[in-house]
C-alpha atoms as a PDB file:
ATOM      1  CA  MET A   1       0.000   0.000   0.000  1.00  0.00           C
ATOM      2  CA  CYS A   2       1.274   3.466  -0.874  1.00  0.00           C
ATOM      3  CA  LEU A   3       0.482   6.623   1.035  1.00  0.00           C
ATOM      4  CA  ALA A   4       0.972  10.209  -0.073  1.00  0.00           C
ATOM      5  CA  ILE A   5       0.777  12.912   2.588  1.00  0.00           C
ATOM      6  CA  PRO A   6       0.087  16.652   2.285  1.00  0.00           C
ATOM      7  CA  MET A   7       2.901  18.784   3.719  1.00  0.00           C
ATOM      8  CA  LYS A   8       3.524  22.533   3.739  1.00  0.00           C
ATOM      9  CA  LEU A   9       6.358  23.825   1.566  1.00  0.00           C
ATOM     10  CA  LEU A  10       8.719  25.986   3.641  1.00  0.00           C
ATOM     11  CA  GLU A  11      11.769  26.457   1.419  1.00  0.00           C
ATOM     12  CA  VAL A  12      12.649  26.145  -2.260  1.00  0.00           C
ATOM     13  CA  GLN A  13      16.210  25.689  -3.509  1.00  0.00           C
ATOM     14  CA  GLY A  14      16.041  25.058  -7.251  1.00  0.00           C
ATOM     15  CA  VAL A  15      14.356  21.666  -7.755  1.00  0.00           C
ATOM     16  CA  ARG A  16      14.592  20.788  -4.060  1.00  0.00           C
ATOM     17  CA  GLY A  17      12.326  21.912  -1.284  1.00  0.00           C
ATOM     18  CA  THR A  18      11.815  21.564   2.440  1.00  0.00           C
ATOM     19  CA  VAL A  19       8.380  20.587   3.728  1.00  0.00           C
ATOM     20  CA  GLU A  20       6.958  20.284   7.240  1.00  0.00           C
ATOM     21  CA  LEU A  21       4.172  18.440   9.001  1.00  0.00           C
ATOM     22  CA  GLY A  22       3.727  18.287  12.756  1.00  0.00           C
ATOM     23  CA  GLY A  23       7.202  19.614  13.433  1.00  0.00           C
ATOM     24  CA  VAL A  24       8.872  17.076  11.141  1.00  0.00           C
ATOM     25  CA  ARG A  25      10.833  18.540   8.229  1.00  0.00           C
ATOM     26  CA  LYS A  26      11.860  16.652   5.129  1.00  0.00           C
ATOM     27  CA  GLU A  27      13.826  17.538   2.027  1.00  0.00           C
ATOM     28  CA  ILE A  28      11.918  16.661  -1.150  1.00  0.00           C
ATOM     29  CA  MET A  29      12.186  17.008  -4.913  1.00  0.00           C
ATOM     30  CA  LEU A  30       9.986  19.509  -6.761  1.00  0.00           C
ATOM     31  CA  THR A  31      10.686  18.349 -10.321  1.00  0.00           C
ATOM     32  CA  LEU A  32       7.100  17.087 -10.753  1.00  0.00           C
ATOM     33  CA  THR A  33       5.569  20.311  -9.353  1.00  0.00           C
ATOM     34  CA  PRO A  34       7.679  23.176 -10.743  1.00  0.00           C
ATOM     35  CA  ASP A  35       4.909  25.711  -9.981  1.00  0.00           C
ATOM     36  CA  ALA A  36       4.954  24.981  -6.213  1.00  0.00           C
ATOM     37  CA  ARG A  37       5.681  28.054  -4.098  1.00  0.00           C
ATOM     38  CA  ILE A  38       6.569  28.615  -0.451  1.00  0.00           C
ATOM     39  CA  GLY A  39       3.395  28.300   1.628  1.00  0.00           C
ATOM     40  CA  ASP A  40       1.731  25.811  -0.741  1.00  0.00           C
ATOM     41  CA  TYR A  41       0.646  22.403   0.446  1.00  0.00           C
ATOM     42  CA  VAL A  42       2.061  19.621  -1.694  1.00  0.00           C
ATOM     43  CA  ILE A  43       1.315  15.918  -1.673  1.00  0.00           C
ATOM     44  CA  ILE A  44       4.521  13.998  -0.911  1.00  0.00           C
ATOM     45  CA  HIS A  45       5.175  10.461  -2.104  1.00  0.00           C
ATOM     46  CA  ALA A  46       8.554   8.705  -2.126  1.00  0.00           C
ATOM     47  CA  GLY A  47      10.423  11.977  -1.609  1.00  0.00           C
ATOM     48  CA  TYR A  48       8.698  13.854  -4.449  1.00  0.00           C
ATOM     49  CA  ALA A  49       6.001  16.514  -4.428  1.00  0.00           C
ATOM     50  CA  ILE A  50       3.484  15.008  -6.843  1.00  0.00           C
ATOM     51  CA  GLU A  51       0.656  17.558  -6.640  1.00  0.00           C
ATOM     52  CA  ILE A  52      -0.117  21.033  -5.297  1.00  0.00           C
ATOM     53  CA  LEU A  53      -3.136  21.142  -2.988  1.00  0.00           C
ATOM     54  CA  ASP A  54      -5.138  24.087  -1.694  1.00  0.00           C
ATOM     55  CA  GLU A  55      -4.991  24.550   2.091  1.00  0.00           C
ATOM     56  CA  GLU A  56      -8.618  23.522   2.666  1.00  0.00           C
ATOM     57  CA  LYS A  57      -8.198  20.196   0.858  1.00  0.00           C
ATOM     58  CA  ALA A  58      -4.868  19.575   2.615  1.00  0.00           C
ATOM     59  CA  GLN A  59      -6.438  20.156   6.043  1.00  0.00           C
ATOM     60  CA  GLU A  60      -9.373  17.888   5.167  1.00  0.00           C
ATOM     61  CA  THR A  61      -6.967  15.102   4.186  1.00  0.00           C
ATOM     62  CA  LEU A  62      -4.817  15.599   7.297  1.00  0.00           C
ATOM     63  CA  ASP A  63      -7.933  15.516   9.507  1.00  0.00           C
ATOM     64  CA  LEU A  64      -8.982  12.205   7.937  1.00  0.00           C
ATOM     65  CA  LEU A  65      -5.511  10.714   8.438  1.00  0.00           C
ATOM     66  CA  ARG A  66      -5.520  11.907  12.076  1.00  0.00           C
ATOM     67  CA  GLU A  67      -8.941  10.341  12.624  1.00  0.00           C
ATOM     68  CA  ILE A  68      -7.820   7.019  11.132  1.00  0.00           C
ATOM     69  CA  SER A  69      -4.687   7.069  13.270  1.00  0.00           C
ATOM     70  CA  GLU A  70      -6.688   7.726  16.461  1.00  0.00           C
ATOM     71  CA  GLU A  71      -9.125   4.915  15.665  1.00  0.00           C
ATOM     72  CA  SER A  72      -6.232   2.570  14.954  1.00  0.00           C
ATOM     73  CA  THR A  73      -4.631   3.232  18.347  1.00  0.00           C
ATOM     74  CA  ASP A  74      -7.823   2.499  20.295  1.00  0.00           C
ATOM     75  CA  GLY A  75      -8.336  -0.832  18.559  1.00  0.00           C
ATOM     76  CA  THR A  76     -11.459   0.035  16.556  1.00  0.00           C
ATOM     77  CA  ALA A  77      -9.685   0.154  13.214  1.00  0.00           C
ATOM     78  CA  ASN A  78      -6.702  -1.697  11.844  1.00  0.00           C
ATOM     79  CA  LEU A  79      -5.226  -0.396   8.600  1.00  0.00           C
ATOM     80  CA  LEU A  80      -3.289  -3.610   8.036  1.00  0.00           C
ATOM     81  CA  SER A  81      -6.224  -6.058   8.154  1.00  0.00           C
END
């Protein structure tokens, strides 16, 4: 199973960028999203930004992932079953 996660773009250095989510920063490649700008939310998969997302959609996706994670920790949902 593959998972792509929305993260906020903080820095751009040519085709590389730095993104952040929940205090975790990661260096990523922007070659697939050359129009991404600082402050944009981008979907990250395998170290690449694969799509630019508006903030509302990014927050909606992050809320859903948070909800799934909370359910998984209390035993009511298991993503691996």
